[in-house]
Amino acid sequence: MNDFASYLTEFLSVYLPGQKNASKNTICSYRDTFKLLLRYCENNEGISAEKLSMTLLSNELIVRFLTWLESARKCSISTRNQRLAAIHAFFRYAQYEDPAGLLHFQKIIALPMKKAPKPSIPYLTPDAMKFLLNQPARTNAKGRRDATLLSLLYDSGCRVQELIDLSAGNFIKGPPSVLVITGKGNKTRHVPLMKNTAALLSAYLDENALDKTWKNEYFIFVNKQNNQLTKEGISYIINKYVVQARKTYLAMPEKVTPHIFRHSKAMHLLQAGINLIYIRDFLGHSDIQTTEIYAKADTELKRRAIENAYPDLVEQSLPDWNRDTSLMGWLSKLK
């Protein structure tokens, strides 16, 4: 009996959206986890999707799947843990649907997350970001779209999926101009835009006839086929200009991801003296501890804080030992 298929269908299509009010992105992430699990079971365990049951999904099999993610697919520990979190959520749901399988399910729920070293937060300096944002040529429609996209990605500090989901009605023209962003957990936040970015976006919407009220639901950024841009599409656009920038700006990193724009905005706000509480709300973090990683990562901010906290107790000038005849004499007598 393929009870796994019925449980998974209910979990993704009824439980997550209906009872947990999970966002579309969360559901897609969980779906991708189980697509990988099905592929692994068929190719590595010899179990086709039609024959996969809850009983066959043992904790030993899940451990082998997680190992496969790291070894064969070269996933990071954080990605491995993200996949395990989705599996945990599924089996927590299943244990209430089928109490008879409680022990079996709890063995999987008990599988621990893997500890990973905390990586440093990658971000661009203000000069590097400014140089990158100036790369798109604004003499043609495609360049103006890219210039608007990159500027909005940085200035709003939004996640890449949040940028993808933006529609024309999410821009409230000012002053002050505001961008309405729907983030994780379907939470909405209002982000102020700087006047230059707002002017770029306003001109772009006007050029593409998206400034009409009846077009409020139209996506702001689309491809040649007028389809919604993808994460891969935005990464491609960014990489194109990174390669272009590196020809003259040698300090530009080889790889700049969409999330680095978000990290950069957060670091620049912090370095400008903006309170962490405001940065938390700006980024849409649910917990201030998430925002605090930027304060911990900014060594320049720490250096300035230390300099401001303590007077110069150490004299920077050095004595001229050649003039200290007593010391020179003592050193000369040493054998």
Foldseek 3Di string as FASTA:
>chain_A
DAVVVVLVCCVLPPCCCPPVVFDPVLSVLLVVLVVLLQVCCCPPVVAHNVRDHLVVPFLVSLVVSLVCCCPVVVDDLVSSLSSLVSLLVSLVVVCVVPVVCNVRSVNSNPDDRDDDDDDFQAADDPVLLVLLLPQQDPPDLVSLLLSLLSLCLQQLLEDPVQLLQAFLLQWDQDVFIWGWTQDGSRDIAIATGDPVSSVSLVVSCVVVVCNDPVRRNQRSDADPVSHGDDLVRNQVSSQVSLVVSCVPPVPRDNHDHSNNSSLHNLLVCVVVPHDLVVSCRSHVPPDSVVSCSSVVNDPVVVVVVVPVVDDPPDDPDDDDVVPVVVVVVVVVPDD
